[in-house]
Amino acid sequence: MMIKYDKCNKCNHNTNISAEENNKRFIIENTNKLHINKVKVDGCLINNQKACDYLFEILDSCKKGNIKRIIYIELKGSSKGVEQAIQQIEKTIKYCEKKYNHNKDIPKDIYIVGSHTHPKMKSKLQIIRNNLMEEFNARLYPPRNPTIEITI
């Protein structure tokens, strides 16, 4: 079920859709003009608990709202790192599974912008990546700084 919470979401099929905070930026180049529901999560959809910053629902249409894929975004403004970002994203996924029926069958992508991966973290990151795929059907992409741009 598509998230419809007027003050927190906007659905459109623009060619460029982005999220930006703390000089960190995530950009979707929407070359296929897919319908995308951009949701501000932290401090809007979810209050009083840790959550990721944004999620993007890729839809068959803004009216029908059938979700094909979900992209979770954490824009790290601090150096607290990847592990904290993963915890925030996991909490968001669980919240959306329960409240909006974002089930495991829906493929999910996770991007962390603005956090450096320490070399000692690389093996731990692989374990986290495997756990996210198994538990949530979620693919974690390598963290990058200060901008991530994807094409869909």
C-alpha atoms as a PDB file:
ATOM      1  CA  MET A   1       0.000   0.000   0.000  1.00  0.00           C
ATOM      2  CA  MET A   2       1.394   3.356  -1.066  1.00  0.00           C
ATOM      3  CA  ILE A   3       2.081   5.812   1.747  1.00  0.00           C
ATOM      4  CA  LYS A   4      -0.413   8.668   1.609  1.00  0.00           C
ATOM      5  CA  TYR A   5       0.295  11.195   4.315  1.00  0.00           C
ATOM      6  CA  ASP A   6      -0.222  14.571   2.683  1.00  0.00           C
ATOM      7  CA  LYS A   7       2.350  16.607   4.538  1.00  0.00           C
ATOM      8  CA  CYS A   8       5.049  13.952   4.140  1.00  0.00           C
ATOM      9  CA  ASN A   9       4.740  12.605   0.604  1.00  0.00           C
ATOM     10  CA  LYS A  10       4.632  13.759  -2.989  1.00  0.00           C
ATOM     11  CA  CYS A  11       4.040  11.465  -5.938  1.00  0.00           C
ATOM     12  CA  ASN A  12       5.093  12.406  -9.475  1.00  0.00           C
ATOM     13  CA  HIS A  13       6.985  11.180 -12.531  1.00  0.00           C
ATOM     14  CA  ASN A  14       9.496  14.013 -12.958  1.00  0.00           C
ATOM     15  CA  THR A  15      12.812  13.269 -14.664  1.00  0.00           C
ATOM     16  CA  ASN A  16      14.833  14.274 -11.580  1.00  0.00           C
ATOM     17  CA  ILE A  17      13.751  13.601  -8.014  1.00  0.00           C
ATOM     18  CA  SER A  18      16.073  14.342  -5.114  1.00  0.00           C
ATOM     19  CA  ALA A  19      16.446  14.519  -1.361  1.00  0.00           C
ATOM     20  CA  GLU A  20      18.948  16.771   0.368  1.00  0.00           C
ATOM     21  CA  GLU A  21      19.993  17.462   3.979  1.00  0.00           C
ATOM     22  CA  ASN A  22      23.209  18.491   5.720  1.00  0.00           C
ATOM     23  CA  ASN A  23      24.969  19.057   2.365  1.00  0.00           C
ATOM     24  CA  LYS A  24      24.298  15.422   1.451  1.00  0.00           C
ATOM     25  CA  ARG A  25      22.261  14.622  -1.628  1.00  0.00           C
ATOM     26  CA  PHE A  26      20.504  11.670  -3.231  1.00  0.00           C
ATOM     27  CA  ILE A  27      19.283  12.055  -6.823  1.00  0.00           C
ATOM     28  CA  ILE A  28      17.099   9.768  -8.922  1.00  0.00           C
ATOM     29  CA  GLU A  29      17.419  10.325 -12.637  1.00  0.00           C
ATOM     30  CA  ASN A  30      14.017   9.045 -13.694  1.00  0.00           C
ATOM     31  CA  THR A  31      14.697   8.457 -17.404  1.00  0.00           C
ATOM     32  CA  ASN A  32      11.719   6.116 -17.791  1.00  0.00           C
ATOM     33  CA  LYS A  33       9.312   8.625 -16.178  1.00  0.00           C
ATOM     34  CA  LEU A  34       8.246   6.087 -13.556  1.00  0.00           C
ATOM     35  CA  HIS A  35       5.772   7.173 -10.890  1.00  0.00           C
ATOM     36  CA  ILE A  36       7.702   7.796  -7.683  1.00  0.00           C
ATOM     37  CA  ASN A  37       6.277   8.605  -4.260  1.00  0.00           C
ATOM     38  CA  LYS A  38       8.872  10.599  -2.282  1.00  0.00           C
ATOM     39  CA  VAL A  39       8.267  10.314   1.476  1.00  0.00           C
ATOM     40  CA  LYS A  40       9.970  12.403   4.178  1.00  0.00           C
ATOM     41  CA  VAL A  41      10.272   9.862   6.979  1.00  0.00           C
ATOM     42  CA  ASP A  42      12.303  11.187   9.922  1.00  0.00           C
ATOM     43  CA  GLY A  43      10.390  13.935  11.705  1.00  0.00           C
ATOM     44  CA  CYS A  44       7.314  13.681   9.465  1.00  0.00           C
ATOM     45  CA  LEU A  45       5.998  10.172   8.769  1.00  0.00           C
ATOM     46  CA  ILE A  46       7.773   8.848  11.883  1.00  0.00           C
ATOM     47  CA  ASN A  47       8.193  11.084  14.938  1.00  0.00           C
ATOM     48  CA  ASN A  48       9.794  10.462  18.328  1.00  0.00           C
ATOM     49  CA  GLN A  49      11.975   7.557  17.234  1.00  0.00           C
ATOM     50  CA  LYS A  50      14.953   6.939  14.996  1.00  0.00           C
ATOM     51  CA  ALA A  51      14.154   6.518  11.314  1.00  0.00           C
ATOM     52  CA  CYS A  52      15.825   6.969   7.947  1.00  0.00           C
ATOM     53  CA  ASP A  53      15.497  10.357   6.264  1.00  0.00           C
ATOM     54  CA  TYR A  54      13.549   9.465   3.106  1.00  0.00           C
ATOM     55  CA  LEU A  55      12.048   6.617   1.183  1.00  0.00           C
ATOM     56  CA  PHE A  56      10.980   6.457  -2.438  1.00  0.00           C
ATOM     57  CA  GLU A  57       8.223   4.095  -3.548  1.00  0.00           C
ATOM     58  CA  ILE A  58       8.438   3.144  -7.226  1.00  0.00           C
ATOM     59  CA  LEU A  59       4.829   2.649  -8.341  1.00  0.00           C
ATOM     60  CA  ASP A  60       2.787   1.426 -11.277  1.00  0.00           C
ATOM     61  CA  SER A  61       0.953   4.780 -11.015  1.00  0.00           C
ATOM     62  CA  CYS A  62       0.379   7.474  -8.400  1.00  0.00           C
ATOM     63  CA  LYS A  63      -3.365   6.734  -8.466  1.00  0.00           C
ATOM     64  CA  LYS A  64      -3.255   2.944  -8.081  1.00  0.00           C
ATOM     65  CA  GLY A  65      -0.272   2.970  -5.760  1.00  0.00           C
ATOM     66  CA  ASN A  66       0.946  -0.597  -6.358  1.00  0.00           C
ATOM     67  CA  ILE A  67       4.541  -0.666  -5.161  1.00  0.00           C
ATOM     68  CA  LYS A  68       7.178  -2.244  -7.403  1.00  0.00           C
ATOM     69  CA  ARG A  69      10.268  -1.270  -5.400  1.00  0.00           C
ATOM     70  CA  ILE A  70      11.237   0.839  -2.369  1.00  0.00           C
ATOM     71  CA  ILE A  71      14.424   2.870  -1.947  1.00  0.00           C
ATOM     72  CA  TYR A  72      15.462   3.818   1.604  1.00  0.00           C
ATOM     73  CA  ILE A  73      17.814   6.778   2.062  1.00  0.00           C
ATOM     74  CA  GLU A  74      19.869   7.923   5.032  1.00  0.00           C
ATOM     75  CA  LEU A  75      21.665  11.253   4.608  1.00  0.00           C
ATOM     76  CA  LYS A  76      24.308  11.211   7.349  1.00  0.00           C
ATOM     77  CA  GLY A  77      25.155  14.703   8.563  1.00  0.00           C
ATOM     78  CA  SER A  78      27.444  13.416  11.261  1.00  0.00           C
ATOM     79  CA  SER A  79      30.269  10.945  11.453  1.00  0.00           C
ATOM     80  CA  LYS A  80      28.268   8.454  13.526  1.00  0.00           C
ATOM     81  CA  GLY A  81      28.538   6.045  10.674  1.00  0.00           C
ATOM     82  CA  VAL A  82      27.136   3.174   8.792  1.00  0.00           C
ATOM     83  CA  GLU A  83      25.977   1.055  11.732  1.00  0.00           C
ATOM     84  CA  GLN A  84      23.732   3.804  13.080  1.00  0.00           C
ATOM     85  CA  ALA A  85      22.347   4.416   9.584  1.00  0.00           C
ATOM     86  CA  ILE A  86      21.542   0.705   9.204  1.00  0.00           C
ATOM     87  CA  GLN A  87      19.703   0.683  12.546  1.00  0.00           C
ATOM     88  CA  GLN A  88      17.613   3.682  11.464  1.00  0.00           C
ATOM     89  CA  ILE A  89      16.769   2.034   8.150  1.00  0.00           C
ATOM     90  CA  GLU A  90      15.882  -1.309   9.776  1.00  0.00           C
ATOM     91  CA  LYS A  91      13.492   0.467  12.158  1.00  0.00           C
ATOM     92  CA  THR A  92      11.900   2.260   9.215  1.00  0.00           C
ATOM     93  CA  ILE A  93      11.461  -0.958   7.225  1.00  0.00           C
ATOM     94  CA  LYS A  94       9.823  -2.686  10.210  1.00  0.00           C
ATOM     95  CA  TYR A  95       7.525   0.308  10.793  1.00  0.00           C
ATOM     96  CA  CYS A  96       6.443   0.372   7.129  1.00  0.00           C
ATOM     97  CA  GLU A  97       5.939  -3.402   7.033  1.00  0.00           C
ATOM     98  CA  LYS A  98       3.575  -3.161   9.975  1.00  0.00           C
ATOM     99  CA  LYS A  99       1.737   0.084   9.184  1.00  0.00           C
ATOM    100  CA  TYR A 100       1.741   0.145   5.363  1.00  0.00           C
ATOM    101  CA  ASN A 101       2.077  -3.550   4.474  1.00  0.00           C
ATOM    102  CA  HIS A 102       5.474  -3.133   2.820  1.00  0.00           C
ATOM    103  CA  ASN A 103       6.025  -6.865   2.751  1.00  0.00           C
ATOM    104  CA  LYS A 104       9.168  -8.840   2.075  1.00  0.00           C
ATOM    105  CA  ASP A 105       8.136  -9.569  -1.514  1.00  0.00           C
ATOM    106  CA  ILE A 106       8.753  -5.931  -2.463  1.00  0.00           C
ATOM    107  CA  PRO A 107      12.411  -5.450  -3.469  1.00  0.00           C
ATOM    108  CA  LYS A 108      14.177  -2.785  -1.435  1.00  0.00           C
ATOM    109  CA  ASP A 109      17.354  -0.785  -2.038  1.00  0.00           C
ATOM    110  CA  ILE A 110      19.306   0.995   0.697  1.00  0.00           C
ATOM    111  CA  TYR A 111      21.618   3.949   0.150  1.00  0.00           C
ATOM    112  CA  ILE A 112      23.645   5.747   2.812  1.00  0.00           C
ATOM    113  CA  VAL A 113      24.970   9.140   1.725  1.00  0.00           C
ATOM    114  CA  GLY A 114      27.757  10.945   3.534  1.00  0.00           C
ATOM    115  CA  SER A 115      29.246   8.225   5.639  1.00  0.00           C
ATOM    116  CA  HIS A 116      32.704   6.791   5.145  1.00  0.00           C
ATOM    117  CA  THR A 117      33.285   3.079   5.466  1.00  0.00           C
ATOM    118  CA  HIS A 118      36.315   2.352   7.602  1.00  0.00           C
ATOM    119  CA  PRO A 119      38.483  -0.436   6.124  1.00  0.00           C
ATOM    120  CA  LYS A 120      37.934  -2.550   9.266  1.00  0.00           C
ATOM    121  CA  MET A 121      34.187  -2.286   8.631  1.00  0.00           C
ATOM    122  CA  LYS A 122      34.246  -3.970   5.208  1.00  0.00           C
ATOM    123  CA  SER A 123      33.889  -7.567   6.426  1.00  0.00           C
ATOM    124  CA  LYS A 124      31.206  -6.548   8.929  1.00  0.00           C
ATOM    125  CA  LEU A 125      29.414  -4.680   6.138  1.00  0.00           C
ATOM    126  CA  GLN A 126      29.210  -7.899   4.108  1.00  0.00           C
ATOM    127  CA  ILE A 127      27.512  -9.656   7.041  1.00  0.00           C
ATOM    128  CA  ILE A 128      25.084  -6.723   7.415  1.00  0.00           C
ATOM    129  CA  ARG A 129      24.419  -6.798   3.656  1.00  0.00           C
ATOM    130  CA  ASN A 130      23.595 -10.533   3.786  1.00  0.00           C
ATOM    131  CA  ASN A 131      21.329 -10.100   6.840  1.00  0.00           C
ATOM    132  CA  LEU A 132      19.391  -7.250   5.196  1.00  0.00           C
ATOM    133  CA  MET A 133      18.803  -9.320   2.073  1.00  0.00           C
ATOM    134  CA  GLU A 134      17.657 -12.347   4.060  1.00  0.00           C
ATOM    135  CA  GLU A 135      15.416 -10.514   6.531  1.00  0.00           C
ATOM    136  CA  PHE A 136      13.948  -7.729   4.360  1.00  0.00           C
ATOM    137  CA  ASN A 137      14.735  -8.498   0.686  1.00  0.00           C
ATOM    138  CA  ALA A 138      16.850  -5.337   0.843  1.00  0.00           C
ATOM    139  CA  ARG A 139      20.040  -4.665  -1.107  1.00  0.00           C
ATOM    140  CA  LEU A 140      22.590  -2.380   0.599  1.00  0.00           C
ATOM    141  CA  TYR A 141      24.754  -0.330  -1.739  1.00  0.00           C
ATOM    142  CA  PRO A 142      28.203   0.912  -0.667  1.00  0.00           C
ATOM    143  CA  PRO A 143      28.050   4.186   1.299  1.00  0.00           C
ATOM    144  CA  ARG A 144      29.316   7.245  -0.591  1.00  0.00           C
ATOM    145  CA  ASN A 145      29.906  10.899   0.112  1.00  0.00           C
ATOM    146  CA  PRO A 146      28.528  13.610  -0.487  1.00  0.00           C
ATOM    147  CA  THR A 147      26.168  12.729  -3.376  1.00  0.00           C
ATOM    148  CA  ILE A 148      24.675   9.552  -4.788  1.00  0.00           C
ATOM    149  CA  GLU A 149      22.956   9.624  -8.161  1.00  0.00           C
ATOM    150  CA  ILE A 150      21.108   6.642  -9.598  1.00  0.00           C
ATOM    151  CA  THR A 151      19.239   6.094 -12.866  1.00  0.00           C
ATOM    152  CA  ILE A 152      16.012   4.135 -13.036  1.00  0.00           C
END
